[in-house]
Structure formats: structure tokens, C-alpha cells
Amino acid sequence: MNHTPETVELHAGDTVLTLHGGAVDAVDGLYITEDGIEGWLSTPDVKVTSQERGIGDGAHDIPDDMIHYAARTITLHWAAVSENRDTLQRLIASMGITAGRHVTIRVMDGEQDTYCTGYASVDVSASWADRVLAKNQLTIVCPRPERLAWAGRRFQLSSAGAGGGGGLSYGAGGGLAYPLSYGSVAVDARNVGVLRNDGTYPACPVFTVHGPMPGGVTLRVGSDAVLSYGQPVGMVPLVLDCRSRTATVDGLDVSRGLTARGFPVVPAGGSVPVVLSSAGDGYVDCLIRDTYM
């Protein structure tokens, strides 16, 4: 029975290394040993400080939004396999892609395909038994501790057009008639979408706004939250990152242009509707990934 992950990929820039799970066979390559991956499915250390009650039992209550986690440390146990010493050396040298830059570790195991990104160090054993250089370790420290689904959910919101302002139209001198009926068009509205998180930990979406949006962009999220950027959006996209709660253009922080900061967080196993209510000829790419801790 295979007790190791099926496949692990290490991504550094445009380079990808593949480590195979299961029993080591006759094929030259990199393998995950039976020690597997430490720190992958476990939660990182909890960053919570409790204060004991002066009177009464126990400590003061800790609300859910005050429970946070430290960086995730992953230890991957791996082996280079070859009967040829030169090939073995090349396999070991290939792990050098992890030095001096960020590395993404992708673990494909059964139904789960998730990844983390961090900085790495490699520990190579000096011993070589038969055709295996064993007991090697790759340690990756991931400042962002969440495991994210490799395949994200993406959809696009179209703006109301240069002449429209989004929302409901009252018509020419008409006004709204009650009870309201949105009709079948509302279901297929191009400016409406749903952010869904099938993971077990809250997920933070990313919105990429493509212009022209001369009046900026406004997203209405959930029942009453608003995320709005008041400056024009041109040819260079605006990125709204809900985890860092920032706005950037071409890598530069332009968060000062935010006029409303209702950055959405989608709960585990939940969903949040989002509506683009801005005029212009642009659109918004929405990305969310199932998230795990």
C-alpha cells in the first residue's frame, strides 16, 4: 500500500521538478521516501495568547477572528535514485532550483491538489546505498500558511457600459413597481457572480480590474459590503487583493485610491455574491481558491 503522496511538484520560476510517490522503482528520478511530508496536513503553530481570569475558572474567551496561525514549515523527505553516479549527481543538483528564490510546492494526493509557496533549504545525505541517495530533506517555510487549491475558480464580471451606472433602472419617468420582479435576465446578468469556497478555512479572493473604467470601480459584496476604488482604471490592470487588503497597479501600491474597503472573505464551505456596479467598458476577473489550514 502506498503511504506517500502520489506526486509532488516543485515550481521555481519556469522550472518544474517532479518527485514521485510510492515504491522506488528502476526508473532514474526523484522520489518521496516513506517518511513523506511533515507539516503538510497539520495546522501550523497557533498564535493565540490567553489571559487567565482573575476570578473564576480558566482564561478569558478568545473569539474566532482572533485565532491565527504562524508560518507553515514543510519538511519533504526525498531520495535521488540512479545506478549511475553522474546521473545521481545531476538529480541532486536539480534541487538547486530551490535556492535563493521562492518555491511553490504542489502536492497531488487523491482528490486534493493544493499548494503553498515559501523559501527553501536542502539537506543532502552523504551516504549512498546501492542506487539510492537516501535520507535527504527539503525544508520550505511558507509565510502564508494556508494550503490553496491548485485549480482556482474564475469568472468575469462585465461593467454596465459607458452609459450605465449599474444597479436597477427606473425607466423614463416610471419608477419602481412593487413587488419587484427581476425576471430571468437577473440570473444571467454579466455583472453578477458568486464566490464559492469548498475548503475548510476562510478564503480571500483576488479581483483584477481591466479598464477603461474612467470613474473607478465599485464591487458590492454580500448583503451590504462595498469595495470601491475611486481613480480611473486604464490599460494597466488594477489588482484588489482581499488577503493583503491592498490595491496595486503594475506592482505599485495605490491603496490610497480606495474609497471603500469592504474586502470580502468567503467562509469555509460558503459563498458570497458579488456585483460590479460601475460604468465603463472594462471588466473584472474574479479568482478564488478553496482554502485549507
Protein backbone atom coordinates (compact mmCIF):
# COMPACT_ATOMS: atom_id res chain seq x y z
CA MET A 1 0.00 0.00 0.00
CA ASN A 2 1.28 3.47 -0.91
CA HIS A 3 1.67 5.65 2.18
CA THR A 4 3.25 8.60 0.39
CA PRO A 5 1.62 11.37 -1.67
CA GLU A 6 1.11 10.42 -5.30
CA THR A 7 3.11 13.26 -6.83
CA VAL A 8 4.89 16.42 -5.67
CA GLU A 9 5.91 19.26 -7.96
CA LEU A 10 8.40 22.00 -7.07
CA HIS A 11 7.93 25.19 -9.09
CA ALA A 12 10.66 27.83 -9.18
CA GLY A 13 10.28 30.39 -11.93
CA ASP A 14 9.68 28.48 -15.16
CA THR A 15 11.37 25.32 -13.85
CA VAL A 16 9.35 22.37 -12.52
CA LEU A 17 10.74 19.35 -10.67
CA THR A 18 8.59 16.26 -10.19
CA LEU A 19 9.01 13.88 -7.24
CA HIS A 20 7.21 10.54 -7.47
CA GLY A 21 5.43 8.80 -4.63
CA GLY A 22 5.12 5.10 -3.93
CA ALA A 23 7.80 2.42 -4.09
CA VAL A 24 11.14 3.32 -5.63
CA ASP A 25 11.43 1.51 -8.97
CA ALA A 26 14.10 1.09 -11.61
CA VAL A 27 13.48 4.47 -13.23
CA ASP A 28 16.05 7.19 -12.55
CA GLY A 29 14.49 10.17 -10.80
CA LEU A 30 13.49 11.94 -7.63
CA TYR A 31 11.19 10.17 -5.16
CA ILE A 32 9.31 10.89 -1.95
CA THR A 33 10.52 8.49 0.73
CA GLU A 34 8.29 6.59 3.13
CA ASP A 35 8.74 9.40 5.69
CA GLY A 36 6.51 11.54 3.46
CA ILE A 37 5.90 15.25 4.07
CA GLU A 38 5.85 16.68 7.56
CA GLY A 39 3.80 19.78 8.29
CA TRP A 40 1.57 19.47 5.25
CA LEU A 41 -1.74 18.27 6.65
CA SER A 42 -1.12 19.53 10.19
CA THR A 43 -2.05 23.06 11.20
CA PRO A 44 0.89 25.39 11.96
CA ASP A 45 1.52 26.68 15.47
CA VAL A 46 -1.34 28.75 16.87
CA LYS A 47 -0.64 32.43 17.53
CA VAL A 48 -3.02 32.96 20.43
CA THR A 49 -2.17 34.38 23.85
CA SER A 50 -4.75 33.63 26.51
CA GLN A 51 -5.13 35.58 29.72
CA GLU A 52 -6.20 33.77 32.84
CA ARG A 53 -9.27 35.09 34.63
CA GLY A 54 -8.56 36.90 37.89
CA ILE A 55 -11.75 35.49 39.35
CA GLY A 56 -13.39 32.30 38.11
CA ASP A 57 -12.21 29.29 36.21
CA GLY A 58 -10.00 29.25 33.15
CA ALA A 59 -8.99 32.06 30.83
CA HIS A 60 -10.87 34.82 29.05
CA ASP A 61 -12.73 33.76 25.90
CA ILE A 62 -10.98 34.02 22.53
CA PRO A 63 -13.23 35.00 19.59
CA ASP A 64 -12.86 33.10 16.32
CA ASP A 65 -11.41 36.11 14.48
CA MET A 66 -8.53 36.26 16.97
CA ILE A 67 -7.33 32.71 16.27
CA HIS A 68 -4.36 32.98 13.91
CA TYR A 69 -1.53 30.71 12.79
CA ALA A 70 2.21 31.05 12.35
CA ALA A 71 4.08 30.41 9.11
CA ARG A 72 3.87 26.83 7.82
CA THR A 73 7.10 24.79 7.86
CA ILE A 74 7.14 21.83 5.48
CA THR A 75 9.75 19.07 5.53
CA LEU A 76 9.82 16.91 2.41
CA HIS A 77 11.77 13.66 2.70
CA TRP A 78 13.16 12.74 -0.71
CA ALA A 79 15.60 10.44 -2.46
CA ALA A 80 17.54 10.62 -5.71
CA VAL A 81 17.64 7.26 -7.49
CA SER A 82 20.10 6.05 -10.15
CA GLU A 83 22.69 3.35 -10.61
CA ASN A 84 24.88 5.85 -12.44
CA ARG A 85 26.86 8.23 -10.27
CA ASP A 86 26.83 11.05 -12.83
CA THR A 87 23.06 10.81 -13.21
CA LEU A 88 22.70 10.78 -9.45
CA GLN A 89 24.75 13.96 -9.18
CA ARG A 90 22.60 15.66 -11.82
CA LEU A 91 19.44 14.72 -9.94
CA ILE A 92 20.84 16.15 -6.72
CA ALA A 93 21.99 19.31 -8.50
CA SER A 94 18.49 19.80 -9.91
CA MET A 95 17.24 20.52 -6.38
CA GLY A 96 19.35 23.66 -6.57
CA ILE A 97 16.43 25.42 -8.26
CA THR A 98 15.04 25.98 -4.77
CA ALA A 99 17.96 28.18 -3.67
CA GLY A 100 17.66 31.94 -3.46
CA ARG A 101 14.07 32.35 -4.65
CA HIS A 102 10.53 31.49 -3.76
CA VAL A 103 9.43 27.92 -4.36
CA THR A 104 5.90 26.62 -4.78
CA ILE A 105 5.29 23.07 -3.58
CA ARG A 106 2.29 21.38 -5.19
CA VAL A 107 1.06 18.14 -3.63
CA MET A 108 -1.28 15.94 -5.69
CA ASP A 109 -2.74 13.27 -3.45
CA GLY A 110 -6.09 11.61 -4.14
CA GLU A 111 -8.83 14.20 -4.58
CA GLN A 112 -6.72 17.02 -3.15
CA ASP A 113 -4.40 19.12 -5.30
CA THR A 114 -3.07 22.00 -3.20
CA TYR A 115 0.00 24.18 -2.92
CA CYS A 116 2.00 26.53 -0.67
CA THR A 117 4.76 29.00 -1.51
CA GLY A 118 7.84 29.83 0.55
CA TYR A 119 11.63 29.79 0.76
CA ALA A 120 13.61 26.56 0.96
CA SER A 121 16.77 24.87 2.19
CA VAL A 122 18.12 21.46 1.07
CA ASP A 123 19.87 18.87 3.27
CA VAL A 124 21.60 16.12 1.25
CA SER A 125 22.83 12.91 2.87
CA ALA A 126 26.49 11.97 2.43
CA SER A 127 25.67 8.25 2.27
CA TRP A 128 24.88 6.32 -0.90
CA ALA A 129 23.45 2.83 -0.53
CA ASP A 130 23.35 0.84 -3.79
CA ARG A 131 21.46 3.05 -6.24
CA VAL A 132 19.79 5.45 -3.80
CA LEU A 133 20.99 8.62 -2.14
CA ALA A 134 18.58 8.49 0.78
CA LYS A 135 17.56 10.46 3.87
CA ASN A 136 17.54 13.83 2.15
CA GLN A 137 15.32 16.69 3.26
CA LEU A 138 13.83 19.78 1.68
CA THR A 139 12.53 22.33 4.18
CA ILE A 140 10.18 25.06 2.97
CA VAL A 141 9.00 27.90 5.22
CA CYS A 142 5.74 29.37 3.91
CA PRO A 143 4.91 32.85 5.31
CA ARG A 144 1.34 32.34 4.08
CA PRO A 145 0.33 29.16 5.91
CA GLU A 146 -2.87 28.31 4.01
CA ARG A 147 -2.91 25.46 1.52
CA LEU A 148 -4.63 26.67 -1.63
CA ALA A 149 -6.34 24.65 -4.36
CA TRP A 150 -4.17 24.50 -7.47
CA ALA A 151 -7.20 24.95 -9.72
CA GLY A 152 -8.94 28.18 -8.78
CA ARG A 153 -12.48 29.21 -9.58
CA ARG A 154 -12.56 32.05 -12.08
CA PHE A 155 -15.32 34.14 -13.58
CA GLN A 156 -15.62 37.52 -15.22
CA LEU A 157 -17.87 40.47 -14.43
CA SER A 158 -18.70 42.92 -17.23
CA SER A 159 -19.33 46.57 -16.48
CA ALA A 160 -22.57 48.35 -17.20
CA GLY A 161 -21.13 50.09 -20.25
CA ALA A 162 -20.10 53.66 -20.82
CA GLY A 163 -23.61 55.00 -20.46
CA GLY A 164 -24.81 52.98 -17.48
CA GLY A 165 -24.23 53.16 -13.78
CA GLY A 166 -25.20 49.65 -12.80
CA GLY A 167 -27.95 48.66 -10.43
CA LEU A 168 -31.69 48.89 -11.20
CA SER A 169 -33.02 51.10 -14.00
CA TYR A 170 -36.06 53.25 -13.18
CA GLY A 171 -37.00 53.85 -16.79
CA ALA A 172 -38.17 57.11 -18.35
CA GLY A 173 -40.24 58.84 -15.66
CA GLY A 174 -41.50 55.50 -14.45
CA GLY A 175 -40.19 54.45 -11.07
CA LEU A 176 -40.15 51.03 -9.49
CA ALA A 177 -43.26 48.89 -9.40
CA TYR A 178 -43.77 46.68 -6.36
CA PRO A 179 -43.45 43.80 -5.75
CA LEU A 180 -40.13 43.79 -7.62
CA SER A 181 -39.60 41.16 -10.30
CA TYR A 182 -36.08 40.74 -11.61
CA GLY A 183 -37.03 38.14 -14.23
CA SER A 184 -34.79 35.54 -15.83
CA VAL A 185 -32.28 38.16 -17.03
CA ALA A 186 -31.02 38.74 -13.48
CA VAL A 187 -29.91 35.11 -13.25
CA ASP A 188 -27.66 35.51 -16.29
CA ALA A 189 -26.54 39.08 -15.58
CA ARG A 190 -22.97 39.56 -16.71
CA ASN A 191 -22.19 41.88 -13.80
CA VAL A 192 -23.17 39.33 -11.11
CA GLY A 193 -21.19 36.35 -9.82
CA VAL A 194 -20.79 34.11 -6.79
CA LEU A 195 -17.55 33.50 -4.88
CA ARG A 196 -17.55 29.92 -3.54
CA ASN A 197 -15.11 28.25 -1.14
CA ASP A 198 -15.38 24.48 -0.74
CA GLY A 199 -12.33 24.38 1.55
CA THR A 200 -12.18 24.16 5.33
CA TYR A 201 -10.71 27.62 6.05
CA PRO A 202 -11.81 31.15 5.03
CA ALA A 203 -10.71 32.12 1.50
CA CYS A 204 -9.58 35.53 0.23
CA PRO A 205 -10.42 36.26 -3.43
CA VAL A 206 -8.43 38.43 -5.85
CA PHE A 207 -10.09 40.87 -8.26
CA THR A 208 -8.22 42.07 -11.37
CA VAL A 209 -9.87 45.13 -12.92
CA HIS A 210 -9.31 45.82 -16.62
CA GLY A 211 -10.11 49.26 -17.99
CA PRO A 212 -11.25 51.52 -19.31
CA MET A 213 -13.08 52.39 -16.11
CA PRO A 214 -12.97 56.22 -16.10
CA GLY A 215 -14.87 56.54 -12.83
CA GLY A 216 -13.06 53.77 -10.98
CA VAL A 217 -14.63 50.50 -9.90
CA THR A 218 -17.22 49.55 -7.30
CA LEU A 219 -17.98 45.99 -6.20
CA ARG A 220 -20.94 45.26 -3.95
CA VAL A 221 -20.22 42.14 -1.93
CA GLY A 222 -22.64 40.10 0.15
CA SER A 223 -25.62 41.91 1.64
CA ASP A 224 -24.07 45.29 2.46
CA ALA A 225 -20.28 45.45 1.94
CA VAL A 226 -18.73 47.72 -0.70
CA LEU A 227 -15.24 47.58 -2.20
CA SER A 228 -14.52 50.69 -4.25
CA TYR A 229 -11.54 52.33 -5.97
CA GLY A 230 -12.15 55.93 -6.95
CA GLN A 231 -9.42 56.56 -9.52
CA PRO A 232 -9.67 55.81 -13.26
CA VAL A 233 -8.51 52.37 -14.36
CA GLY A 234 -6.78 52.36 -17.73
CA MET A 235 -4.78 49.90 -19.79
CA VAL A 236 -2.73 48.62 -16.84
CA PRO A 237 -4.95 46.37 -14.66
CA LEU A 238 -5.79 47.19 -11.06
CA VAL A 239 -5.40 44.26 -8.63
CA LEU A 240 -7.53 44.16 -5.47
CA ASP A 241 -6.09 41.54 -3.09
CA CYS A 242 -8.51 40.64 -0.31
CA ARG A 243 -5.87 38.93 1.84
CA SER A 244 -3.48 41.88 2.00
CA ARG A 245 -6.40 44.34 1.66
CA THR A 246 -4.45 46.35 -0.90
CA ALA A 247 -4.82 47.83 -4.36
CA THR A 248 -1.88 47.63 -6.76
CA VAL A 249 -1.16 48.73 -10.33
CA ASP A 250 1.86 47.21 -12.04
CA GLY A 251 3.13 46.12 -8.61
CA LEU A 252 2.86 49.61 -7.09
CA ASP A 253 0.65 50.13 -4.05
CA VAL A 254 -2.22 52.51 -4.87
CA SER A 255 -4.38 51.67 -1.86
CA ARG A 256 -4.76 55.39 -1.14
CA GLY A 257 -7.27 55.40 -4.01
CA LEU A 258 -9.64 53.06 -2.17
CA THR A 259 -12.84 54.84 -1.14
CA ALA A 260 -14.50 51.79 0.47
CA ARG A 261 -12.64 48.82 1.94
CA GLY A 262 -15.21 46.05 2.14
CA PHE A 263 -12.76 43.32 1.14
CA PRO A 264 -14.70 40.04 1.19
CA VAL A 265 -13.60 36.88 2.97
CA VAL A 266 -15.53 33.77 1.95
CA PRO A 267 -16.17 31.38 4.87
CA ALA A 268 -15.27 27.70 4.75
CA GLY A 269 -17.87 25.80 2.77
CA GLY A 270 -19.69 29.05 1.99
CA SER A 271 -20.34 31.51 -0.80
CA VAL A 272 -20.64 35.27 -1.24
CA PRO A 273 -22.34 37.10 -4.14
CA VAL A 274 -20.50 39.94 -5.87
CA VAL A 275 -21.92 42.61 -8.19
CA LEU A 276 -19.98 45.02 -10.40
CA SER A 277 -21.87 48.32 -10.35
CA SER A 278 -19.51 50.61 -12.28
CA ALA A 279 -19.83 52.34 -15.63
CA GLY A 280 -17.20 51.85 -18.29
CA ASP A 281 -16.15 49.44 -20.98
CA GLY A 282 -13.95 47.32 -18.74
CA TYR A 283 -14.39 44.09 -16.83
CA VAL A 284 -13.26 42.35 -13.64
CA ASP A 285 -11.61 38.94 -13.43
CA CYS A 286 -12.51 37.19 -10.16
CA LEU A 287 -10.35 34.42 -8.71
CA ILE A 288 -10.94 32.35 -5.57
CA ARG A 289 -9.32 29.10 -4.44
CA ASP A 290 -10.58 26.51 -1.98
CA THR A 291 -8.52 27.12 1.15
CA TYR A 292 -7.26 24.80 3.88
CA MET A 293 -5.25 25.20 7.06
